[in-house]
Amino acid sequence: MFPALDPLLHSELRLAVMSLLVSSEEAEFPYIKEQTGATAGNLSVQIDKLSAAGYIEVEKTFKGKRPCTVCRITPTGLNAFEDYVKVVKSYLHL
């Protein structure tokens, strides 16, 4: 019997966001949007879900007069991501 995959991270876009944040610790919304190819609306929804789960922190500020949204992975998010990777590896027998 295989352990269950975290349904929150099993979404392609949410997994992509987490993967980006694992490697960079934080990223601005436009960068995440560009790297994932997601629409702004869909990305916002997925970021909200990750934030509600405590996997990422979202900081909304301004750069000059422009809004700036920065996402950071939390320790909880990093643990969830690492556990997800372990489960995937167990499926692949690695």
PDB file of N, CA and C in Angstrom:
ATOM      1  N   MET A   1       0.847  -1.192   0.000  1.00  0.00           N
ATOM      2  CA  MET A   1       0.000   0.000   0.000  1.00  0.00           C
ATOM      3  C   MET A   1       0.885   1.245   0.000  1.00  0.00           C
ATOM      4  N   PHE A   2       0.644   2.110  -0.947  1.00  0.00           N
ATOM      5  CA  PHE A   2       1.419   3.342  -1.048  1.00  0.00           C
ATOM      6  C   PHE A   2       0.807   4.433  -0.181  1.00  0.00           C
ATOM      7  N   PRO A   3       1.650   5.301   0.381  1.00  0.00           N
ATOM      8  CA  PRO A   3       1.099   6.450   1.104  1.00  0.00           C
ATOM      9  C   PRO A   3       0.390   7.394   0.124  1.00  0.00           C
ATOM     10  N   ALA A   4      -0.545   8.142   0.638  1.00  0.00           N
ATOM     11  CA  ALA A   4      -1.309   9.059  -0.216  1.00  0.00           C
ATOM     12  C   ALA A   4      -0.482  10.291  -0.563  1.00  0.00           C
ATOM     13  N   LEU A   5      -0.684  10.784  -1.768  1.00  0.00           N
ATOM     14  CA  LEU A   5      -0.064  12.045  -2.181  1.00  0.00           C
ATOM     15  C   LEU A   5      -0.884  13.198  -1.612  1.00  0.00           C
ATOM     16  N   ASP A   6      -0.198  14.242  -1.180  1.00  0.00           N
ATOM     17  CA  ASP A   6      -0.862  15.438  -0.657  1.00  0.00           C
ATOM     18  C   ASP A   6      -1.705  16.039  -1.785  1.00  0.00           C
ATOM     19  N   PRO A   7      -3.037  16.029  -1.654  1.00  0.00           N
ATOM     20  CA  PRO A   7      -3.886  16.527  -2.739  1.00  0.00           C
ATOM     21  C   PRO A   7      -3.646  18.007  -3.048  1.00  0.00           C
ATOM     22  N   LEU A   8      -3.219  18.764  -2.063  1.00  0.00           N
ATOM     23  CA  LEU A   8      -2.949  20.180  -2.304  1.00  0.00           C
ATOM     24  C   LEU A   8      -1.751  20.356  -3.235  1.00  0.00           C
ATOM     25  N   LEU A   9      -0.752  19.495  -3.090  1.00  0.00           N
ATOM     26  CA  LEU A   9       0.440  19.601  -3.929  1.00  0.00           C
ATOM     27  C   LEU A   9       0.327  18.797  -5.214  1.00  0.00           C
ATOM     28  N   HIS A  10      -0.701  17.983  -5.329  1.00  0.00           N
ATOM     29  CA  HIS A  10      -0.837  17.143  -6.510  1.00  0.00           C
ATOM     30  C   HIS A  10      -1.372  17.921  -7.714  1.00  0.00           C
ATOM     31  N   SER A  11      -1.771  19.145  -7.505  1.00  0.00           N
ATOM     32  CA  SER A  11      -2.178  20.023  -8.603  1.00  0.00           C
ATOM     33  C   SER A  11      -0.929  20.509  -9.328  1.00  0.00           C
ATOM     34  N   GLU A  12      -0.944  20.452 -10.641  1.00  0.00           N
ATOM     35  CA  GLU A  12       0.232  20.818 -11.441  1.00  0.00           C
ATOM     36  C   GLU A  12       0.723  22.239 -11.141  1.00  0.00           C
ATOM     37  N   LEU A  13      -0.188  23.197 -11.091  1.00  0.00           N
ATOM     38  CA  LEU A  13       0.216  24.575 -10.875  1.00  0.00           C
ATOM     39  C   LEU A  13       0.712  24.803  -9.447  1.00  0.00           C
ATOM     40  N   ARG A  14       0.019  24.251  -8.461  1.00  0.00           N
ATOM     41  CA  ARG A  14       0.477  24.425  -7.080  1.00  0.00           C
ATOM     42  C   ARG A  14       1.834  23.759  -6.870  1.00  0.00           C
ATOM     43  N   LEU A  15       2.038  22.594  -7.478  1.00  0.00           N
ATOM     44  CA  LEU A  15       3.331  21.919  -7.384  1.00  0.00           C
ATOM     45  C   LEU A  15       4.417  22.755  -8.059  1.00  0.00           C
ATOM     46  N   ALA A  16       4.110  23.379  -9.176  1.00  0.00           N
ATOM     47  CA  ALA A  16       5.076  24.236  -9.873  1.00  0.00           C
ATOM     48  C   ALA A  16       5.449  25.440  -9.010  1.00  0.00           C
ATOM     49  N   VAL A  17       4.466  26.056  -8.373  1.00  0.00           N
ATOM     50  CA  VAL A  17       4.730  27.204  -7.497  1.00  0.00           C
ATOM     51  C   VAL A  17       5.635  26.776  -6.350  1.00  0.00           C
ATOM     52  N   MET A  18       5.307  25.663  -5.728  1.00  0.00           N
ATOM     53  CA  MET A  18       6.118  25.186  -4.610  1.00  0.00           C
ATOM     54  C   MET A  18       7.531  24.839  -5.062  1.00  0.00           C
ATOM     55  N   SER A  19       7.655  24.226  -6.228  1.00  0.00           N
ATOM     56  CA  SER A  19       8.983  23.879  -6.753  1.00  0.00           C
ATOM     57  C   SER A  19       9.829  25.124  -6.964  1.00  0.00           C
ATOM     58  N   LEU A  20       9.222  26.175  -7.496  1.00  0.00           N
ATOM     59  CA  LEU A  20       9.946  27.436  -7.678  1.00  0.00           C
ATOM     60  C   LEU A  20      10.394  28.007  -6.342  1.00  0.00           C
ATOM     61  N   LEU A  21       9.506  27.967  -5.365  1.00  0.00           N
ATOM     62  CA  LEU A  21       9.823  28.561  -4.071  1.00  0.00           C
ATOM     63  C   LEU A  21      10.824  27.731  -3.275  1.00  0.00           C
ATOM     64  N   VAL A  22      10.853  26.438  -3.485  1.00  0.00           N
ATOM     65  CA  VAL A  22      11.842  25.589  -2.809  1.00  0.00           C
ATOM     66  C   VAL A  22      13.240  25.995  -3.261  1.00  0.00           C
ATOM     67  N   SER A  23      13.382  26.278  -4.536  1.00  0.00           N
ATOM     68  CA  SER A  23      14.708  26.602  -5.056  1.00  0.00           C
ATOM     69  C   SER A  23      15.103  28.057  -4.837  1.00  0.00           C
ATOM     70  N   SER A  24      14.134  28.950  -4.701  1.00  0.00           N
ATOM     71  CA  SER A  24      14.472  30.371  -4.564  1.00  0.00           C
ATOM     72  C   SER A  24      14.035  30.991  -3.241  1.00  0.00           C
ATOM     73  N   GLU A  25      13.297  30.264  -2.436  1.00  0.00           N
ATOM     74  CA  GLU A  25      12.764  30.705  -1.145  1.00  0.00           C
ATOM     75  C   GLU A  25      11.685  31.772  -1.257  1.00  0.00           C
ATOM     76  N   GLU A  26      11.857  32.724  -2.172  1.00  0.00           N
ATOM     77  CA  GLU A  26      10.796  33.711  -2.387  1.00  0.00           C
ATOM     78  C   GLU A  26      10.811  34.147  -3.835  1.00  0.00           C
ATOM     79  N   ALA A  27       9.650  34.602  -4.299  1.00  0.00           N
ATOM     80  CA  ALA A  27       9.540  35.067  -5.678  1.00  0.00           C
ATOM     81  C   ALA A  27       8.368  36.029  -5.785  1.00  0.00           C
ATOM     82  N   GLU A  28       8.501  36.977  -6.700  1.00  0.00           N
ATOM     83  CA  GLU A  28       7.421  37.913  -6.961  1.00  0.00           C
ATOM     84  C   GLU A  28       6.409  37.286  -7.916  1.00  0.00           C
ATOM     85  N   PHE A  29       5.178  37.734  -7.792  1.00  0.00           N
ATOM     86  CA  PHE A  29       4.065  37.201  -8.573  1.00  0.00           C
ATOM     87  C   PHE A  29       4.355  37.170 -10.076  1.00  0.00           C
ATOM     88  N   PRO A  30       4.853  38.262 -10.675  1.00  0.00           N
ATOM     89  CA  PRO A  30       5.091  38.218 -12.132  1.00  0.00           C
ATOM     90  C   PRO A  30       6.097  37.131 -12.542  1.00  0.00           C
ATOM     91  N   TYR A  31       7.104  36.916 -11.714  1.00  0.00           N
ATOM     92  CA  TYR A  31       8.092  35.876 -12.009  1.00  0.00           C
ATOM     93  C   TYR A  31       7.440  34.498 -11.975  1.00  0.00           C
ATOM     94  N   ILE A  32       6.635  34.248 -10.947  1.00  0.00           N
ATOM     95  CA  ILE A  32       5.947  32.959 -10.835  1.00  0.00           C
ATOM     96  C   ILE A  32       5.011  32.770 -12.027  1.00  0.00           C
ATOM     97  N   LYS A  33       4.291  33.818 -12.377  1.00  0.00           N
ATOM     98  CA  LYS A  33       3.365  33.768 -13.513  1.00  0.00           C
ATOM     99  C   LYS A  33       4.118  33.429 -14.794  1.00  0.00           C
ATOM    100  N   GLU A  34       5.239  34.086 -15.011  1.00  0.00           N
ATOM    101  CA  GLU A  34       6.043  33.849 -16.216  1.00  0.00           C
ATOM    102  C   GLU A  34       6.589  32.419 -16.250  1.00  0.00           C
ATOM    103  N   GLN A  35       7.108  31.957 -15.130  1.00  0.00           N
ATOM    104  CA  GLN A  35       7.727  30.626 -15.080  1.00  0.00           C
ATOM    105  C   GLN A  35       6.706  29.492 -15.221  1.00  0.00           C
ATOM    106  N   THR A  36       5.505  29.705 -14.727  1.00  0.00           N
ATOM    107  CA  THR A  36       4.492  28.645 -14.766  1.00  0.00           C
ATOM    108  C   THR A  36       3.604  28.720 -16.009  1.00  0.00           C
ATOM    109  N   GLY A  37       3.557  29.894 -16.643  1.00  0.00           N
ATOM    110  CA  GLY A  37       2.680  30.060 -17.795  1.00  0.00           C
ATOM    111  C   GLY A  37       1.211  30.162 -17.412  1.00  0.00           C
ATOM    112  N   ALA A  38       0.949  30.401 -16.147  1.00  0.00           N
ATOM    113  CA  ALA A  38      -0.429  30.474 -15.657  1.00  0.00           C
ATOM    114  C   ALA A  38      -1.026  31.852 -15.930  1.00  0.00           C
ATOM    115  N   THR A  39      -2.345  31.908 -15.956  1.00  0.00           N
ATOM    116  CA  THR A  39      -3.007  33.194 -16.020  1.00  0.00           C
ATOM    117  C   THR A  39      -2.954  33.826 -14.633  1.00  0.00           C
ATOM    118  N   ALA A  40      -3.053  35.136 -14.584  1.00  0.00           N
ATOM    119  CA  ALA A  40      -2.998  35.840 -13.300  1.00  0.00           C
ATOM    120  C   ALA A  40      -4.122  35.371 -12.376  1.00  0.00           C
ATOM    121  N   GLY A  41      -5.321  35.209 -12.919  1.00  0.00           N
ATOM    122  CA  GLY A  41      -6.463  34.792 -12.102  1.00  0.00           C
ATOM    123  C   GLY A  41      -6.281  33.399 -11.515  1.00  0.00           C
ATOM    124  N   ASN A  42      -5.872  32.448 -12.344  1.00  0.00           N
ATOM    125  CA  ASN A  42      -5.684  31.080 -11.861  1.00  0.00           C
ATOM    126  C   ASN A  42      -4.543  31.030 -10.854  1.00  0.00           C
ATOM    127  N   LEU A  43      -3.460  31.728 -11.131  1.00  0.00           N
ATOM    128  CA  LEU A  43      -2.327  31.736 -10.210  1.00  0.00           C
ATOM    129  C   LEU A  43      -2.728  32.324  -8.865  1.00  0.00           C
ATOM    130  N   SER A  44      -3.498  33.389  -8.875  1.00  0.00           N
ATOM    131  CA  SER A  44      -3.964  34.001  -7.627  1.00  0.00           C
ATOM    132  C   SER A  44      -4.761  33.019  -6.782  1.00  0.00           C
ATOM    133  N   VAL A  45      -5.640  32.275  -7.428  1.00  0.00           N
ATOM    134  CA  VAL A  45      -6.463  31.290  -6.716  1.00  0.00           C
ATOM    135  C   VAL A  45      -5.581  30.215  -6.094  1.00  0.00           C
ATOM    136  N   GLN A  46      -4.606  29.722  -6.851  1.00  0.00           N
ATOM    137  CA  GLN A  46      -3.744  28.653  -6.350  1.00  0.00           C
ATOM    138  C   GLN A  46      -2.831  29.147  -5.234  1.00  0.00           C
ATOM    139  N   ILE A  47      -2.336  30.371  -5.355  1.00  0.00           N
ATOM    140  CA  ILE A  47      -1.523  30.964  -4.289  1.00  0.00           C
ATOM    141  C   ILE A  47      -2.351  31.121  -3.022  1.00  0.00           C
ATOM    142  N   ASP A  48      -3.604  31.533  -3.165  1.00  0.00           N
ATOM    143  CA  ASP A  48      -4.492  31.652  -1.997  1.00  0.00           C
ATOM    144  C   ASP A  48      -4.667  30.297  -1.300  1.00  0.00           C
ATOM    145  N   LYS A  49      -4.795  29.227  -2.078  1.00  0.00           N
ATOM    146  CA  LYS A  49      -4.959  27.885  -1.491  1.00  0.00           C
ATOM    147  C   LYS A  49      -3.702  27.469  -0.740  1.00  0.00           C
ATOM    148  N   LEU A  50      -2.531  27.716  -1.331  1.00  0.00           N
ATOM    149  CA  LEU A  50      -1.273  27.378  -0.662  1.00  0.00           C
ATOM    150  C   LEU A  50      -1.082  28.210   0.600  1.00  0.00           C
ATOM    151  N   SER A  51      -1.481  29.463   0.536  1.00  0.00           N
ATOM    152  CA  SER A  51      -1.364  30.351   1.694  1.00  0.00           C
ATOM    153  C   SER A  51      -2.312  29.912   2.814  1.00  0.00           C
ATOM    154  N   ALA A  52      -3.545  29.561   2.455  1.00  0.00           N
ATOM    155  CA  ALA A  52      -4.529  29.123   3.452  1.00  0.00           C
ATOM    156  C   ALA A  52      -4.067  27.856   4.164  1.00  0.00           C
ATOM    157  N   ALA A  53      -3.307  27.009   3.462  1.00  0.00           N
ATOM    158  CA  ALA A  53      -2.797  25.774   4.059  1.00  0.00           C
ATOM    159  C   ALA A  53      -1.543  26.021   4.894  1.00  0.00           C
ATOM    160  N   GLY A  54      -1.010  27.242   4.830  1.00  0.00           N
ATOM    161  CA  GLY A  54       0.199  27.557   5.583  1.00  0.00           C
ATOM    162  C   GLY A  54       1.474  27.121   4.885  1.00  0.00           C
ATOM    163  N   TYR A  55       1.367  26.768   3.598  1.00  0.00           N
ATOM    164  CA  TYR A  55       2.532  26.312   2.846  1.00  0.00           C
ATOM    165  C   TYR A  55       3.390  27.476   2.344  1.00  0.00           C
ATOM    166  N   ILE A  56       2.756  28.614   2.119  1.00  0.00           N
ATOM    167  CA  ILE A  56       3.494  29.806   1.700  1.00  0.00           C
ATOM    168  C   ILE A  56       2.973  31.017   2.463  1.00  0.00           C
ATOM    169  N   GLU A  57       3.813  32.050   2.514  1.00  0.00           N
ATOM    170  CA  GLU A  57       3.408  33.359   3.043  1.00  0.00           C
ATOM    171  C   GLU A  57       3.330  34.306   1.860  1.00  0.00           C
ATOM    172  N   VAL A  58       2.343  35.172   1.895  1.00  0.00           N
ATOM    173  CA  VAL A  58       2.168  36.145   0.826  1.00  0.00           C
ATOM    174  C   VAL A  58       2.263  37.534   1.430  1.00  0.00           C
ATOM    175  N   GLU A  59       3.173  38.337   0.891  1.00  0.00           N
ATOM    176  CA  GLU A  59       3.349  39.708   1.345  1.00  0.00           C
ATOM    177  C   GLU A  59       2.982  40.648   0.207  1.00  0.00           C
ATOM    178  N   LYS A  60       2.022  41.525   0.474  1.00  0.00           N
ATOM    179  CA  LYS A  60       1.591  42.492  -0.539  1.00  0.00           C
ATOM    180  C   LYS A  60       2.063  43.871  -0.117  1.00  0.00           C
ATOM    181  N   THR A  61       2.901  44.459  -0.953  1.00  0.00           N
ATOM    182  CA  THR A  61       3.444  45.784  -0.692  1.00  0.00           C
ATOM    183  C   THR A  61       3.356  46.598  -1.981  1.00  0.00           C
ATOM    184  N   PHE A  62       4.069  47.692  -1.994  1.00  0.00           N
ATOM    185  CA  PHE A  62       4.146  48.521  -3.197  1.00  0.00           C
ATOM    186  C   PHE A  62       5.601  48.792  -3.526  1.00  0.00           C
ATOM    187  N   LYS A  63       5.917  48.811  -4.804  1.00  0.00           N
ATOM    188  CA  LYS A  63       7.203  49.293  -5.313  1.00  0.00           C
ATOM    189  C   LYS A  63       6.871  50.589  -6.023  1.00  0.00           C
ATOM    190  N   GLY A  64       7.174  51.679  -5.347  1.00  0.00           N
ATOM    191  CA  GLY A  64       6.700  52.952  -5.876  1.00  0.00           C
ATOM    192  C   GLY A  64       5.191  52.975  -5.769  1.00  0.00           C
ATOM    193  N   LYS A  65       4.527  53.160  -6.902  1.00  0.00           N
ATOM    194  CA  LYS A  65       3.064  53.162  -6.905  1.00  0.00           C
ATOM    195  C   LYS A  65       2.478  51.844  -7.405  1.00  0.00           C
ATOM    196  N   ARG A  66       3.339  50.891  -7.702  1.00  0.00           N
ATOM    197  CA  ARG A  66       2.873  49.614  -8.242  1.00  0.00           C
ATOM    198  C   ARG A  66       2.763  48.562  -7.131  1.00  0.00           C
ATOM    199  N   PRO A  67       1.674  47.780  -7.151  1.00  0.00           N
ATOM    200  CA  PRO A  67       1.562  46.699  -6.168  1.00  0.00           C
ATOM    201  C   PRO A  67       2.623  45.626  -6.420  1.00  0.00           C
ATOM    202  N   CYS A  68       3.098  45.038  -5.341  1.00  0.00           N
ATOM    203  CA  CYS A  68       4.116  43.994  -5.426  1.00  0.00           C
ATOM    204  C   CYS A  68       3.712  42.856  -4.484  1.00  0.00           C
ATOM    205  N   THR A  69       3.540  41.672  -5.043  1.00  0.00           N
ATOM    206  CA  THR A  69       3.185  40.501  -4.253  1.00  0.00           C
ATOM    207  C   THR A  69       4.375  39.553  -4.241  1.00  0.00           C
ATOM    208  N   VAL A  70       4.847  39.243  -3.048  1.00  0.00           N
ATOM    209  CA  VAL A  70       5.981  38.330  -2.882  1.00  0.00           C
ATOM    210  C   VAL A  70       5.494  37.093  -2.142  1.00  0.00           C
ATOM    211  N   CYS A  71       5.854  35.927  -2.672  1.00  0.00           N
ATOM    212  CA  CYS A  71       5.493  34.656  -2.050  1.00  0.00           C
ATOM    213  C   CYS A  71       6.753  34.023  -1.475  1.00  0.00           C
ATOM    214  N   ARG A  72       6.628  33.470  -0.271  1.00  0.00           N
ATOM    215  CA  ARG A  72       7.739  32.779   0.394  1.00  0.00           C
ATOM    216  C   ARG A  72       7.254  31.438   0.902  1.00  0.00           C
ATOM    217  N   ILE A  73       8.102  30.432   0.771  1.00  0.00           N
ATOM    218  CA  ILE A  73       7.756  29.120   1.301  1.00  0.00           C
ATOM    219  C   ILE A  73       7.946  29.146   2.819  1.00  0.00           C
ATOM    220  N   THR A  74       7.076  28.455   3.529  1.00  0.00           N
ATOM    221  CA  THR A  74       7.166  28.369   4.989  1.00  0.00           C
ATOM    222  C   THR A  74       7.831  27.036   5.358  1.00  0.00           C
ATOM    223  N   PRO A  75       8.264  26.901   6.602  1.00  0.00           N
ATOM    224  CA  PRO A  75       8.770  25.592   7.038  1.00  0.00           C
ATOM    225  C   PRO A  75       7.738  24.478   6.854  1.00  0.00           C
ATOM    226  N   THR A  76       6.479  24.782   7.101  1.00  0.00           N
ATOM    227  CA  THR A  76       5.403  23.805   6.889  1.00  0.00           C
ATOM    228  C   THR A  76       5.333  23.410   5.419  1.00  0.00           C
ATOM    229  N   GLY A  77       5.436  24.405   4.545  1.00  0.00           N
ATOM    230  CA  GLY A  77       5.396  24.143   3.113  1.00  0.00           C
ATOM    231  C   GLY A  77       6.590  23.328   2.648  1.00  0.00           C
ATOM    232  N   LEU A  78       7.763  23.649   3.178  1.00  0.00           N
ATOM    233  CA  LEU A  78       8.960  22.906   2.814  1.00  0.00           C
ATOM    234  C   LEU A  78       8.839  21.444   3.256  1.00  0.00           C
ATOM    235  N   ASN A  79       8.343  21.210   4.462  1.00  0.00           N
ATOM    236  CA  ASN A  79       8.136  19.841   4.938  1.00  0.00           C
ATOM    237  C   ASN A  79       7.122  19.097   4.076  1.00  0.00           C
ATOM    238  N   ALA A  80       6.030  19.781   3.716  1.00  0.00           N
ATOM    239  CA  ALA A  80       4.997  19.152   2.881  1.00  0.00           C
ATOM    240  C   ALA A  80       5.575  18.794   1.508  1.00  0.00           C
ATOM    241  N   PHE A  81       6.379  19.691   0.945  1.00  0.00           N
ATOM    242  CA  PHE A  81       6.994  19.443  -0.353  1.00  0.00           C
ATOM    243  C   PHE A  81       7.948  18.251  -0.274  1.00  0.00           C
ATOM    244  N   GLU A  82       8.794  18.233   0.757  1.00  0.00           N
ATOM    245  CA  GLU A  82       9.744  17.125   0.920  1.00  0.00           C
ATOM    246  C   GLU A  82       9.022  15.795   1.106  1.00  0.00           C
ATOM    247  N   ASP A  83       7.930  15.802   1.878  1.00  0.00           N
ATOM    248  CA  ASP A  83       7.137  14.587   2.064  1.00  0.00           C
ATOM    249  C   ASP A  83       6.512  14.143   0.742  1.00  0.00           C
ATOM    250  N   TYR A  84       6.025  15.094  -0.039  1.00  0.00           N
ATOM    251  CA  TYR A  84       5.433  14.793  -1.343  1.00  0.00           C
ATOM    252  C   TYR A  84       6.461  14.104  -2.239  1.00  0.00           C
ATOM    253  N   VAL A  85       7.670  14.654  -2.270  1.00  0.00           N
ATOM    254  CA  VAL A  85       8.741  14.075  -3.093  1.00  0.00           C
ATOM    255  C   VAL A  85       9.064  12.654  -2.623  1.00  0.00           C
ATOM    256  N   LYS A  86       9.108  12.446  -1.310  1.00  0.00           N
ATOM    257  CA  LYS A  86       9.377  11.094  -0.779  1.00  0.00           C
ATOM    258  C   LYS A  86       8.307  10.107  -1.223  1.00  0.00           C
ATOM    259  N   VAL A  87       7.061  10.535  -1.178  1.00  0.00           N
ATOM    260  CA  VAL A  87       5.966   9.649  -1.579  1.00  0.00           C
ATOM    261  C   VAL A  87       6.065   9.327  -3.066  1.00  0.00           C
ATOM    262  N   VAL A  88       6.347  10.336  -3.887  1.00  0.00           N
ATOM    263  CA  VAL A  88       6.498  10.094  -5.327  1.00  0.00           C
ATOM    264  C   VAL A  88       7.639   9.106  -5.563  1.00  0.00           C
ATOM    265  N   LYS A  89       8.749   9.290  -4.853  1.00  0.00           N
ATOM    266  CA  LYS A  89       9.881   8.365  -4.994  1.00  0.00           C
ATOM    267  C   LYS A  89       9.487   6.952  -4.590  1.00  0.00           C
ATOM    268  N   SER A  90       8.652   6.815  -3.561  1.00  0.00           N
ATOM    269  CA  SER A  90       8.225   5.479  -3.133  1.00  0.00           C
ATOM    270  C   SER A  90       7.386   4.809  -4.223  1.00  0.00           C
ATOM    271  N   TYR A  91       6.609   5.593  -4.948  1.00  0.00           N
ATOM    272  CA  TYR A  91       5.839   5.062  -6.065  1.00  0.00           C
ATOM    273  C   TYR A  91       6.760   4.568  -7.169  1.00  0.00           C
ATOM    274  N   LEU A  92       7.890   5.248  -7.336  1.00  0.00           N
ATOM    275  CA  LEU A  92       8.843   4.902  -8.393  1.00  0.00           C
ATOM    276  C   LEU A  92       9.901   3.912  -7.932  1.00  0.00           C
ATOM    277  N   HIS A  93       9.840   3.563  -6.652  1.00  0.00           N
ATOM    278  CA  HIS A  93      10.804   2.632  -6.044  1.00  0.00           C
ATOM    279  C   HIS A  93      12.233   3.166  -6.120  1.00  0.00           C
ATOM    280  N   LEU A  94      12.403   4.462  -5.882  1.00  0.00           N
ATOM    281  CA  LEU A  94      13.733   5.064  -5.903  1.00  0.00           C
ATOM    282  C   LEU A  94      14.335   5.109  -4.508  1.00  0.00           C
TER     283      LEU A  94
END
